[in-house]
Amino acid sequence: MTVTLHVCITCRAGETPSEGEATPGKRLHGAILDAGVPDGVAVVPVECLSACSQGCSVAISAPGRWSYVYGRLSEAHANDVVAGAAAYAAAPDGLVPWRSRPEIFRKQSLARIPPIAVVPEAAE
């Protein structure tokens, strides 16, 4: 099963990039790719995760697992994001033991979203 790591590439993290300059979010995305994406993880750039007041942000999810949104990130956190994604991919339910999480995944979580439950349609 593939884990999806969404990286907001429009995040400005309080900066106003000059024309032609990459946003902090695009720089984070590039740094994550440069750090080496773990097997079973797909890195997907997205336009916005609606966490604009929280700096650069990423979201990680997989079918049937808990999903997370992390913020207050920069390209300096790329290796920790990759390590967290690898730990998440190895956890069958998306719940990585506290001590096994990189510090940014312990302290910079913005949201934890339960797995989507498939509800049977009501009989008519």
C-alpha atoms as a PDB file:
ATOM      1  CA  MET A   1       0.000   0.000   0.000  1.00  0.00           C
ATOM      2  CA  THR A   2       1.346   3.403  -0.923  1.00  0.00           C
ATOM      3  CA  VAL A   3       1.595   6.160   1.654  1.00  0.00           C
ATOM      4  CA  THR A   4       1.016   9.673   0.307  1.00  0.00           C
ATOM      5  CA  LEU A   5       3.043  12.593   1.607  1.00  0.00           C
ATOM      6  CA  HIS A   6       1.439  15.823   0.401  1.00  0.00           C
ATOM      7  CA  VAL A   7       3.722  18.861   0.482  1.00  0.00           C
ATOM      8  CA  CYS A   8       2.206  22.334   0.197  1.00  0.00           C
ATOM      9  CA  ILE A   9       4.272  24.095  -2.450  1.00  0.00           C
ATOM     10  CA  THR A  10       2.458  27.429  -2.097  1.00  0.00           C
ATOM     11  CA  CYS A  11       3.429  27.876   1.570  1.00  0.00           C
ATOM     12  CA  ARG A  12       5.216  31.175   1.998  1.00  0.00           C
ATOM     13  CA  ALA A  13       6.071  30.836   5.724  1.00  0.00           C
ATOM     14  CA  GLY A  14       5.808  34.592   6.166  1.00  0.00           C
ATOM     15  CA  GLU A  15       8.123  35.325   3.246  1.00  0.00           C
ATOM     16  CA  THR A  16       7.388  37.262   0.084  1.00  0.00           C
ATOM     17  CA  PRO A  17       9.558  35.585  -2.542  1.00  0.00           C
ATOM     18  CA  SER A  18      10.828  37.733  -5.398  1.00  0.00           C
ATOM     19  CA  GLU A  19       9.523  36.969  -8.855  1.00  0.00           C
ATOM     20  CA  GLY A  20      11.085  33.725 -10.045  1.00  0.00           C
ATOM     21  CA  GLU A  21      12.197  32.757  -6.522  1.00  0.00           C
ATOM     22  CA  ALA A  22      10.853  29.484  -5.112  1.00  0.00           C
ATOM     23  CA  THR A  23       8.444  29.643  -2.196  1.00  0.00           C
ATOM     24  CA  PRO A  24       9.562  28.051   1.078  1.00  0.00           C
ATOM     25  CA  GLY A  25       7.045  25.275   0.354  1.00  0.00           C
ATOM     26  CA  LYS A  26       8.639  24.507  -3.025  1.00  0.00           C
ATOM     27  CA  ARG A  27      12.056  24.513  -1.377  1.00  0.00           C
ATOM     28  CA  LEU A  28      10.797  22.050   1.269  1.00  0.00           C
ATOM     29  CA  HIS A  29       9.350  19.829  -1.473  1.00  0.00           C
ATOM     30  CA  GLY A  30      12.678  19.830  -3.321  1.00  0.00           C
ATOM     31  CA  ALA A  31      14.645  19.127  -0.137  1.00  0.00           C
ATOM     32  CA  ILE A  32      12.388  16.145   0.656  1.00  0.00           C
ATOM     33  CA  LEU A  33      12.988  14.722  -2.831  1.00  0.00           C
ATOM     34  CA  ASP A  34      16.732  15.337  -2.461  1.00  0.00           C
ATOM     35  CA  ALA A  35      16.750  13.560   0.927  1.00  0.00           C
ATOM     36  CA  GLY A  36      15.507  10.382  -0.728  1.00  0.00           C
ATOM     37  CA  VAL A  37      11.923   9.203  -0.625  1.00  0.00           C
ATOM     38  CA  PRO A  38      11.413   5.908   1.253  1.00  0.00           C
ATOM     39  CA  ASP A  39       9.997   2.865  -0.533  1.00  0.00           C
ATOM     40  CA  GLY A  40       6.219   2.840  -0.443  1.00  0.00           C
ATOM     41  CA  VAL A  41       5.936   6.630  -0.093  1.00  0.00           C
ATOM     42  CA  ALA A  42       4.692   8.902  -2.876  1.00  0.00           C
ATOM     43  CA  VAL A  43       5.514  12.598  -2.507  1.00  0.00           C
ATOM     44  CA  VAL A  44       2.789  14.734  -4.053  1.00  0.00           C
ATOM     45  CA  PRO A  45       3.003  18.534  -4.334  1.00  0.00           C
ATOM     46  CA  VAL A  46      -0.274  20.329  -3.592  1.00  0.00           C
ATOM     47  CA  GLU A  47      -1.375  23.933  -3.965  1.00  0.00           C
ATOM     48  CA  CYS A  48      -2.605  24.497  -0.402  1.00  0.00           C
ATOM     49  CA  LEU A  49      -3.209  22.584   2.828  1.00  0.00           C
ATOM     50  CA  SER A  50      -4.985  25.563   4.485  1.00  0.00           C
ATOM     51  CA  ALA A  51      -2.393  25.778   7.254  1.00  0.00           C
ATOM     52  CA  CYS A  52      -1.069  29.138   6.050  1.00  0.00           C
ATOM     53  CA  SER A  53      -0.546  30.619   9.506  1.00  0.00           C
ATOM     54  CA  GLN A  54       1.588  27.595  10.478  1.00  0.00           C
ATOM     55  CA  GLY A  55       4.473  27.995   8.032  1.00  0.00           C
ATOM     56  CA  CYS A  56       5.280  25.212   5.591  1.00  0.00           C
ATOM     57  CA  SER A  57       3.114  22.146   6.010  1.00  0.00           C
ATOM     58  CA  VAL A  58       2.829  18.527   4.925  1.00  0.00           C
ATOM     59  CA  ALA A  59       0.108  15.900   5.270  1.00  0.00           C
ATOM     60  CA  ILE A  60       0.610  12.143   5.374  1.00  0.00           C
ATOM     61  CA  SER A  61      -2.066   9.530   4.770  1.00  0.00           C
ATOM     62  CA  ALA A  62      -2.863   6.059   3.490  1.00  0.00           C
ATOM     63  CA  PRO A  63      -6.116   4.128   3.080  1.00  0.00           C
ATOM     64  CA  GLY A  64      -7.380   2.702   6.375  1.00  0.00           C
ATOM     65  CA  ARG A  65      -4.812   4.625   8.454  1.00  0.00           C
ATOM     66  CA  TRP A  66      -4.789   7.712  10.614  1.00  0.00           C
ATOM     67  CA  SER A  67      -3.737  10.842   8.699  1.00  0.00           C
ATOM     68  CA  TYR A  68      -1.646  13.722  10.024  1.00  0.00           C
ATOM     69  CA  VAL A  69      -0.915  17.344   9.128  1.00  0.00           C
ATOM     70  CA  TYR A  70       2.400  18.834  10.307  1.00  0.00           C
ATOM     71  CA  GLY A  71       3.402  22.490  10.196  1.00  0.00           C
ATOM     72  CA  ARG A  72       6.066  25.010  11.139  1.00  0.00           C
ATOM     73  CA  LEU A  73       8.447  23.243   8.764  1.00  0.00           C
ATOM     74  CA  SER A  74      11.280  24.384   6.531  1.00  0.00           C
ATOM     75  CA  GLU A  75      13.657  22.730   4.103  1.00  0.00           C
ATOM     76  CA  ALA A  76      15.971  22.135   7.089  1.00  0.00           C
ATOM     77  CA  HIS A  77      13.398  19.560   8.312  1.00  0.00           C
ATOM     78  CA  ALA A  78      13.471  17.451   5.114  1.00  0.00           C
ATOM     79  CA  ASN A  79      15.435  14.531   6.594  1.00  0.00           C
ATOM     80  CA  ASP A  80      13.083  14.375   9.604  1.00  0.00           C
ATOM     81  CA  VAL A  81      10.025  14.467   7.331  1.00  0.00           C
ATOM     82  CA  VAL A  82      11.473  11.576   5.308  1.00  0.00           C
ATOM     83  CA  ALA A  83      12.261   9.616   8.502  1.00  0.00           C
ATOM     84  CA  GLY A  84       8.722  10.241   9.769  1.00  0.00           C
ATOM     85  CA  ALA A  85       7.239   9.135   6.463  1.00  0.00           C
ATOM     86  CA  ALA A  86       9.263   5.918   6.594  1.00  0.00           C
ATOM     87  CA  ALA A  87       8.070   5.221  10.160  1.00  0.00           C
ATOM     88  CA  TYR A  88       4.472   5.938   9.133  1.00  0.00           C
ATOM     89  CA  ALA A  89       4.779   3.599   6.131  1.00  0.00           C
ATOM     90  CA  ALA A  90       5.996   0.837   8.462  1.00  0.00           C
ATOM     91  CA  ALA A  91       3.072   1.283  10.907  1.00  0.00           C
ATOM     92  CA  PRO A  92       0.085  -0.808   9.759  1.00  0.00           C
ATOM     93  CA  ASP A  93      -2.479   1.612  11.208  1.00  0.00           C
ATOM     94  CA  GLY A  94      -0.546   4.877  10.840  1.00  0.00           C
ATOM     95  CA  LEU A  95       0.037   5.105  14.595  1.00  0.00           C
ATOM     96  CA  VAL A  96       3.790   5.413  15.047  1.00  0.00           C
ATOM     97  CA  PRO A  97       4.937   4.899  18.653  1.00  0.00           C
ATOM     98  CA  TRP A  98       5.732   8.263  20.291  1.00  0.00           C
ATOM     99  CA  ARG A  99       9.443   7.586  20.821  1.00  0.00           C
ATOM    100  CA  SER A 100       9.843   6.330  17.246  1.00  0.00           C
ATOM    101  CA  ARG A 101       8.654   9.628  15.750  1.00  0.00           C
ATOM    102  CA  PRO A 102      11.071  12.387  14.731  1.00  0.00           C
ATOM    103  CA  GLU A 103      10.789  15.351  17.094  1.00  0.00           C
ATOM    104  CA  ILE A 104       8.970  17.463  14.513  1.00  0.00           C
ATOM    105  CA  PHE A 105       6.303  14.745  14.251  1.00  0.00           C
ATOM    106  CA  ARG A 106       5.891  14.835  18.043  1.00  0.00           C
ATOM    107  CA  LYS A 107       5.802  18.604  18.503  1.00  0.00           C
ATOM    108  CA  GLN A 108       4.574  20.096  15.238  1.00  0.00           C
ATOM    109  CA  SER A 109       1.414  18.129  14.576  1.00  0.00           C
ATOM    110  CA  LEU A 110      -1.464  20.375  13.515  1.00  0.00           C
ATOM    111  CA  ALA A 111      -4.109  17.673  13.059  1.00  0.00           C
ATOM    112  CA  ARG A 112      -4.674  13.957  13.451  1.00  0.00           C
ATOM    113  CA  ILE A 113      -7.533  12.605  11.354  1.00  0.00           C
ATOM    114  CA  PRO A 114      -9.096   9.173  11.929  1.00  0.00           C
ATOM    115  CA  PRO A 115      -9.315   6.664   9.100  1.00  0.00           C
ATOM    116  CA  ILE A 116     -12.361   7.044   6.903  1.00  0.00           C
ATOM    117  CA  ALA A 117     -14.879   4.387   7.818  1.00  0.00           C
ATOM    118  CA  VAL A 118     -16.938   2.896   5.023  1.00  0.00           C
ATOM    119  CA  VAL A 119     -20.556   3.203   6.085  1.00  0.00           C
ATOM    120  CA  PRO A 120     -23.023   0.880   4.366  1.00  0.00           C
ATOM    121  CA  GLU A 121     -25.754   2.663   2.464  1.00  0.00           C
ATOM    122  CA  ALA A 122     -29.106   2.735   4.202  1.00  0.00           C
ATOM    123  CA  ALA A 123     -31.581   0.170   2.928  1.00  0.00           C
ATOM    124  CA  GLU A 124     -34.551   1.717   1.208  1.00  0.00           C
END
